Amino acid sequence: MTGAVTAGLEAALKLSLRGPSGTVVEVDAIIDTGYTGSLTLSDATASALGLTRRTGGRAVLADGSALLFDSYSVEVWWHQSWRRVAASAISAEILVGMRLLEGSEVRIAVVAGGAVEIVPLGAPQPQ
């Protein structure tokens, strides 16, 4: 998977998500190494995919504020196959967290426009 660093120095990539009816949407996502979950979604994305609320919870954000959120099950195209993950509707931004990145190597050229690459651990290194 590849992406690019934004002008604001966020590591961004496009993800394909699939809902239970087979609906697929492509979204812009930001890698967030401070987020220990798999994925966050906006309420609008959850609705567009036809996701059904599984559970809810309470999250404490980096700024110390707390909020209630809904959790969903969604499939994400990851390392050349569909992978089912838990996704939390916490913000309008779609975030890729450490649980989804587990088993991957993340390479980021941290300059505006720099390359972002996510490969499975053990994948051949570029020459």
N, C-alpha and C. Protein backbone atom coordinates (compact mmCIF):
# COMPACT_ATOMS: atom_id res chain seq x y z
N MET A 1 0.85 -1.16 0.00
CA MET A 1 0.00 0.00 0.00
C MET A 1 0.90 1.23 0.00
N THR A 2 0.47 2.24 -0.73
CA THR A 2 1.27 3.45 -0.80
C THR A 2 0.38 4.67 -0.59
N GLY A 3 1.03 5.74 -0.20
CA GLY A 3 0.35 7.01 -0.01
C GLY A 3 1.38 8.11 -0.07
N ALA A 4 1.04 9.25 0.51
CA ALA A 4 1.95 10.39 0.50
C ALA A 4 1.76 11.21 1.77
N VAL A 5 2.80 11.92 2.14
CA VAL A 5 2.75 12.82 3.28
C VAL A 5 2.09 14.13 2.83
N THR A 6 1.15 14.60 3.63
CA THR A 6 0.42 15.83 3.29
C THR A 6 1.27 17.06 3.61
N ALA A 7 0.80 18.23 3.17
CA ALA A 7 1.48 19.49 3.48
C ALA A 7 1.55 19.72 4.99
N GLY A 8 0.58 19.17 5.72
CA GLY A 8 0.57 19.26 7.18
C GLY A 8 1.36 18.16 7.86
N LEU A 9 2.14 17.41 7.06
CA LEU A 9 3.02 16.33 7.53
C LEU A 9 2.26 15.17 8.17
N GLU A 10 1.10 14.82 7.60
CA GLU A 10 0.38 13.62 8.01
C GLU A 10 0.61 12.54 6.96
N ALA A 11 0.85 11.32 7.41
CA ALA A 11 1.02 10.19 6.50
C ALA A 11 -0.36 9.71 6.06
N ALA A 12 -0.67 9.91 4.78
CA ALA A 12 -2.01 9.64 4.26
C ALA A 12 -1.98 8.53 3.21
N LEU A 13 -3.08 7.79 3.11
CA LEU A 13 -3.24 6.78 2.09
C LEU A 13 -4.71 6.57 1.80
N LYS A 14 -5.00 5.95 0.68
CA LYS A 14 -6.37 5.61 0.32
C LYS A 14 -6.63 4.18 0.77
N LEU A 15 -7.81 3.95 1.33
CA LEU A 15 -8.24 2.62 1.74
C LEU A 15 -9.54 2.27 1.03
N SER A 16 -9.71 1.00 0.70
CA SER A 16 -10.99 0.50 0.22
C SER A 16 -11.65 -0.22 1.38
N LEU A 17 -12.90 0.16 1.66
CA LEU A 17 -13.68 -0.45 2.73
C LEU A 17 -14.90 -1.12 2.12
N ARG A 18 -15.31 -2.25 2.71
CA ARG A 18 -16.48 -2.98 2.19
C ARG A 18 -17.46 -3.25 3.32
N GLY A 19 -18.72 -2.94 3.05
CA GLY A 19 -19.79 -3.18 4.01
C GLY A 19 -20.42 -4.55 3.82
N PRO A 20 -21.40 -4.89 4.66
CA PRO A 20 -22.00 -6.23 4.63
C PRO A 20 -22.76 -6.55 3.35
N SER A 21 -23.24 -5.54 2.63
CA SER A 21 -23.97 -5.80 1.39
C SER A 21 -23.05 -5.86 0.18
N GLY A 22 -21.73 -5.68 0.42
CA GLY A 22 -20.77 -5.69 -0.69
C GLY A 22 -20.43 -4.31 -1.21
N THR A 23 -21.06 -3.28 -0.66
CA THR A 23 -20.75 -1.91 -1.05
C THR A 23 -19.30 -1.59 -0.71
N VAL A 24 -18.57 -1.05 -1.68
CA VAL A 24 -17.16 -0.68 -1.46
C VAL A 24 -17.03 0.83 -1.63
N VAL A 25 -16.35 1.46 -0.69
CA VAL A 25 -16.04 2.88 -0.81
C VAL A 25 -14.54 3.07 -0.62
N GLU A 26 -14.00 4.03 -1.34
CA GLU A 26 -12.59 4.39 -1.17
C GLU A 26 -12.54 5.65 -0.33
N VAL A 27 -11.70 5.63 0.70
CA VAL A 27 -11.61 6.76 1.62
C VAL A 27 -10.17 7.19 1.78
N ASP A 28 -9.98 8.43 2.18
CA ASP A 28 -8.68 8.95 2.54
C ASP A 28 -8.49 8.70 4.04
N ALA A 29 -7.34 8.15 4.41
CA ALA A 29 -7.07 7.83 5.80
C ALA A 29 -5.71 8.39 6.20
N ILE A 30 -5.56 8.61 7.50
CA ILE A 30 -4.33 9.12 8.09
C ILE A 30 -3.80 8.05 9.05
N ILE A 31 -2.50 7.79 8.99
CA ILE A 31 -1.87 6.87 9.94
C ILE A 31 -1.71 7.60 11.27
N ASP A 32 -2.18 6.97 12.34
CA ASP A 32 -2.10 7.55 13.68
C ASP A 32 -1.48 6.53 14.62
N THR A 33 -0.17 6.64 14.84
CA THR A 33 0.53 5.67 15.69
C THR A 33 0.17 5.82 17.17
N GLY A 34 -0.52 6.89 17.53
CA GLY A 34 -0.98 7.05 18.90
C GLY A 34 -2.32 6.39 19.16
N TYR A 35 -2.96 5.88 18.11
CA TYR A 35 -4.26 5.20 18.22
C TYR A 35 -4.00 3.71 18.24
N THR A 36 -4.40 3.04 19.32
CA THR A 36 -4.10 1.61 19.47
C THR A 36 -5.14 0.70 18.82
N GLY A 37 -6.28 1.23 18.40
CA GLY A 37 -7.28 0.42 17.73
C GLY A 37 -6.92 0.18 16.27
N SER A 38 -7.87 -0.38 15.52
CA SER A 38 -7.64 -0.68 14.11
C SER A 38 -7.94 0.50 13.21
N LEU A 39 -9.15 1.04 13.33
CA LEU A 39 -9.63 1.99 12.34
C LEU A 39 -10.71 2.86 12.98
N THR A 40 -10.71 4.15 12.64
CA THR A 40 -11.84 5.00 12.98
C THR A 40 -12.56 5.36 11.69
N LEU A 41 -13.85 5.54 11.79
CA LEU A 41 -14.68 5.93 10.65
C LEU A 41 -15.52 7.13 11.04
N SER A 42 -15.96 7.86 10.06
CA SER A 42 -16.96 8.89 10.31
C SER A 42 -18.34 8.22 10.32
N ASP A 43 -19.30 8.87 10.94
CA ASP A 43 -20.68 8.36 10.90
C ASP A 43 -21.17 8.28 9.46
N ALA A 44 -20.77 9.24 8.63
CA ALA A 44 -21.20 9.25 7.22
C ALA A 44 -20.66 8.04 6.47
N THR A 45 -19.41 7.66 6.74
CA THR A 45 -18.83 6.49 6.08
C THR A 45 -19.53 5.22 6.54
N ALA A 46 -19.79 5.11 7.83
CA ALA A 46 -20.50 3.93 8.36
C ALA A 46 -21.88 3.82 7.71
N SER A 47 -22.55 4.94 7.56
CA SER A 47 -23.87 4.94 6.93
C SER A 47 -23.78 4.56 5.45
N ALA A 48 -22.81 5.12 4.72
CA ALA A 48 -22.65 4.82 3.29
C ALA A 48 -22.38 3.34 3.05
N LEU A 49 -21.70 2.70 4.00
CA LEU A 49 -21.39 1.27 3.87
C LEU A 49 -22.52 0.38 4.38
N GLY A 50 -23.53 0.97 5.01
CA GLY A 50 -24.63 0.18 5.55
C GLY A 50 -24.23 -0.64 6.76
N LEU A 51 -23.29 -0.11 7.56
CA LEU A 51 -22.82 -0.85 8.73
C LEU A 51 -23.85 -0.82 9.85
N THR A 52 -23.91 -1.89 10.61
CA THR A 52 -24.79 -2.00 11.75
C THR A 52 -23.97 -1.87 13.02
N ARG A 53 -24.45 -1.04 13.94
CA ARG A 53 -23.75 -0.83 15.20
C ARG A 53 -23.61 -2.15 15.95
N ARG A 54 -22.39 -2.46 16.39
CA ARG A 54 -22.14 -3.68 17.16
C ARG A 54 -22.18 -3.39 18.66
N THR A 55 -21.41 -2.40 19.07
CA THR A 55 -21.33 -2.01 20.48
C THR A 55 -21.05 -0.52 20.53
N GLY A 56 -20.89 -0.04 21.72
CA GLY A 56 -20.49 1.34 21.92
C GLY A 56 -19.41 1.38 22.98
N GLY A 57 -18.89 2.55 23.19
CA GLY A 57 -17.85 2.68 24.19
C GLY A 57 -17.59 4.12 24.52
N ARG A 58 -16.58 4.32 25.36
CA ARG A 58 -16.16 5.64 25.77
C ARG A 58 -14.67 5.73 25.51
N ALA A 59 -14.24 6.80 24.86
CA ALA A 59 -12.83 6.99 24.55
C ALA A 59 -12.33 8.27 25.19
N VAL A 60 -11.08 8.22 25.64
CA VAL A 60 -10.40 9.42 26.12
C VAL A 60 -9.41 9.81 25.03
N LEU A 61 -9.57 11.00 24.50
CA LEU A 61 -8.73 11.48 23.41
C LEU A 61 -7.42 12.05 23.92
N ALA A 62 -6.49 12.30 23.02
CA ALA A 62 -5.17 12.80 23.38
C ALA A 62 -5.23 14.11 24.16
N ASP A 63 -6.27 14.93 23.89
CA ASP A 63 -6.40 16.20 24.60
C ASP A 63 -7.05 16.05 25.97
N GLY A 64 -7.36 14.79 26.37
CA GLY A 64 -7.95 14.52 27.68
C GLY A 64 -9.47 14.52 27.68
N SER A 65 -10.09 14.95 26.59
CA SER A 65 -11.56 14.94 26.53
C SER A 65 -12.06 13.51 26.32
N ALA A 66 -13.27 13.27 26.77
CA ALA A 66 -13.88 11.94 26.63
C ALA A 66 -15.10 12.04 25.73
N LEU A 67 -15.37 10.97 24.99
CA LEU A 67 -16.57 10.94 24.16
C LEU A 67 -17.09 9.52 24.05
N LEU A 68 -18.37 9.43 23.75
CA LEU A 68 -19.00 8.13 23.51
C LEU A 68 -18.95 7.85 22.01
N PHE A 69 -18.80 6.57 21.65
CA PHE A 69 -18.71 6.24 20.23
C PHE A 69 -19.41 4.92 19.97
N ASP A 70 -19.72 4.69 18.69
CA ASP A 70 -20.28 3.43 18.22
C ASP A 70 -19.18 2.61 17.57
N SER A 71 -19.28 1.28 17.67
CA SER A 71 -18.32 0.38 17.03
C SER A 71 -19.02 -0.45 15.97
N TYR A 72 -18.29 -0.73 14.91
CA TYR A 72 -18.80 -1.47 13.77
C TYR A 72 -17.78 -2.54 13.36
N SER A 73 -18.23 -3.47 12.56
CA SER A 73 -17.34 -4.42 11.90
C SER A 73 -17.35 -4.06 10.42
N VAL A 74 -16.15 -3.94 9.84
CA VAL A 74 -16.02 -3.55 8.44
C VAL A 74 -14.85 -4.31 7.83
N GLU A 75 -14.89 -4.50 6.52
CA GLU A 75 -13.75 -5.13 5.84
C GLU A 75 -12.91 -4.05 5.18
N VAL A 76 -11.59 -4.22 5.28
CA VAL A 76 -10.65 -3.29 4.66
C VAL A 76 -9.73 -4.09 3.73
N TRP A 77 -9.45 -3.56 2.55
CA TRP A 77 -8.52 -4.20 1.62
C TRP A 77 -7.12 -3.94 2.17
N TRP A 78 -6.45 -4.99 2.63
CA TRP A 78 -5.19 -4.84 3.35
C TRP A 78 -4.24 -5.94 2.93
N HIS A 79 -3.09 -5.60 2.43
CA HIS A 79 -2.08 -6.56 1.99
C HIS A 79 -2.68 -7.60 1.03
N GLN A 80 -3.41 -7.09 0.05
CA GLN A 80 -3.94 -7.88 -1.06
C GLN A 80 -5.06 -8.85 -0.70
N SER A 81 -5.76 -8.59 0.42
CA SER A 81 -6.94 -9.40 0.74
C SER A 81 -7.87 -8.59 1.64
N TRP A 82 -9.13 -9.02 1.69
CA TRP A 82 -10.09 -8.36 2.57
C TRP A 82 -9.85 -8.84 4.00
N ARG A 83 -9.81 -7.90 4.91
CA ARG A 83 -9.58 -8.20 6.33
C ARG A 83 -10.67 -7.54 7.15
N ARG A 84 -11.35 -8.33 7.99
CA ARG A 84 -12.42 -7.79 8.84
C ARG A 84 -11.79 -7.20 10.09
N VAL A 85 -12.17 -5.95 10.40
CA VAL A 85 -11.64 -5.26 11.58
C VAL A 85 -12.77 -4.56 12.31
N ALA A 86 -12.50 -4.24 13.56
CA ALA A 86 -13.40 -3.40 14.34
C ALA A 86 -13.08 -1.95 14.02
N ALA A 87 -14.11 -1.16 13.81
CA ALA A 87 -13.93 0.26 13.51
C ALA A 87 -14.80 1.07 14.46
N SER A 88 -14.26 2.15 14.96
CA SER A 88 -14.97 3.03 15.89
C SER A 88 -15.31 4.33 15.21
N ALA A 89 -16.55 4.78 15.39
CA ALA A 89 -16.98 6.07 14.84
C ALA A 89 -16.67 7.14 15.89
N ILE A 90 -15.45 7.65 15.82
CA ILE A 90 -14.99 8.61 16.83
C ILE A 90 -14.92 10.03 16.27
N SER A 91 -14.52 10.17 15.02
CA SER A 91 -14.37 11.51 14.46
C SER A 91 -14.71 11.49 12.98
N ALA A 92 -14.68 12.66 12.37
CA ALA A 92 -14.93 12.75 10.93
C ALA A 92 -13.73 12.24 10.15
N GLU A 93 -12.57 12.22 10.78
CA GLU A 93 -11.35 11.77 10.12
C GLU A 93 -11.25 10.24 10.19
N ILE A 94 -10.76 9.64 9.14
CA ILE A 94 -10.55 8.19 9.14
C ILE A 94 -9.09 7.95 9.49
N LEU A 95 -8.89 7.21 10.57
CA LEU A 95 -7.55 6.95 11.09
C LEU A 95 -7.22 5.48 11.04
N VAL A 96 -5.98 5.17 10.63
CA VAL A 96 -5.43 3.82 10.67
C VAL A 96 -4.61 3.72 11.95
N GLY A 97 -4.98 2.78 12.82
CA GLY A 97 -4.29 2.63 14.10
C GLY A 97 -3.32 1.45 14.12
N MET A 98 -2.67 1.31 15.24
CA MET A 98 -1.60 0.32 15.39
C MET A 98 -2.10 -1.12 15.27
N ARG A 99 -3.32 -1.41 15.68
CA ARG A 99 -3.81 -2.78 15.56
C ARG A 99 -3.91 -3.21 14.10
N LEU A 100 -4.34 -2.30 13.22
CA LEU A 100 -4.38 -2.62 11.79
C LEU A 100 -2.97 -2.72 11.21
N LEU A 101 -2.06 -1.89 11.70
CA LEU A 101 -0.68 -1.90 11.22
C LEU A 101 0.14 -3.08 11.74
N GLU A 102 -0.36 -3.77 12.76
CA GLU A 102 0.38 -4.90 13.32
C GLU A 102 0.75 -5.90 12.22
N GLY A 103 2.00 -6.34 12.22
CA GLY A 103 2.47 -7.27 11.20
C GLY A 103 2.94 -6.59 9.94
N SER A 104 3.03 -5.27 9.99
CA SER A 104 3.44 -4.49 8.82
C SER A 104 4.68 -3.67 9.14
N GLU A 105 5.37 -3.29 8.09
CA GLU A 105 6.44 -2.32 8.19
C GLU A 105 5.92 -1.05 7.53
N VAL A 106 6.10 0.07 8.22
CA VAL A 106 5.65 1.36 7.70
C VAL A 106 6.87 2.20 7.40
N ARG A 107 6.95 2.67 6.16
CA ARG A 107 8.05 3.53 5.73
C ARG A 107 7.47 4.88 5.34
N ILE A 108 8.00 5.95 5.95
CA ILE A 108 7.49 7.29 5.68
C ILE A 108 8.66 8.24 5.44
N ALA A 109 8.66 8.89 4.30
CA ALA A 109 9.61 9.97 4.03
C ALA A 109 8.94 11.24 4.52
N VAL A 110 9.32 11.70 5.69
CA VAL A 110 8.58 12.76 6.37
C VAL A 110 8.97 14.15 5.84
N VAL A 111 8.47 14.43 4.65
CA VAL A 111 8.51 15.74 4.00
C VAL A 111 7.22 15.84 3.21
N ALA A 112 6.73 17.04 3.02
CA ALA A 112 5.51 17.21 2.23
C ALA A 112 5.68 16.53 0.87
N GLY A 113 4.75 15.66 0.53
CA GLY A 113 4.81 14.91 -0.72
C GLY A 113 5.65 13.65 -0.63
N GLY A 114 6.25 13.38 0.53
CA GLY A 114 7.08 12.19 0.70
C GLY A 114 6.27 10.91 0.59
N ALA A 115 6.95 9.83 0.26
CA ALA A 115 6.30 8.54 0.06
C ALA A 115 5.91 7.90 1.40
N VAL A 116 4.75 7.24 1.39
CA VAL A 116 4.27 6.42 2.50
C VAL A 116 4.10 5.02 1.93
N GLU A 117 4.68 4.03 2.60
CA GLU A 117 4.57 2.66 2.12
C GLU A 117 4.32 1.73 3.30
N ILE A 118 3.34 0.86 3.15
CA ILE A 118 3.04 -0.15 4.17
C ILE A 118 3.16 -1.50 3.51
N VAL A 119 4.05 -2.34 4.04
CA VAL A 119 4.28 -3.67 3.48
C VAL A 119 4.21 -4.70 4.60
N PRO A 120 3.80 -5.93 4.27
CA PRO A 120 3.81 -6.97 5.29
C PRO A 120 5.24 -7.22 5.78
N LEU A 121 5.39 -7.50 7.06
CA LEU A 121 6.71 -7.86 7.57
C LEU A 121 7.23 -9.06 6.80
N GLY A 122 8.50 -9.03 6.45
CA GLY A 122 9.10 -10.12 5.70
C GLY A 122 8.99 -9.95 4.20
N ALA A 123 8.34 -8.87 3.74
CA ALA A 123 8.25 -8.62 2.29
C ALA A 123 9.63 -8.23 1.76
N PRO A 124 9.91 -8.53 0.52
CA PRO A 124 11.21 -8.15 -0.06
C PRO A 124 11.44 -6.65 0.06
N GLN A 125 12.67 -6.27 0.35
CA GLN A 125 13.04 -4.85 0.46
C GLN A 125 13.29 -4.29 -0.94
N PRO A 126 12.95 -3.01 -1.16
CA PRO A 126 13.23 -2.41 -2.47
C PRO A 126 14.73 -2.32 -2.69
N GLN A 127 15.14 -2.45 -3.94
CA GLN A 127 16.57 -2.40 -4.28
C GLN A 127 16.99 -1.00 -4.59
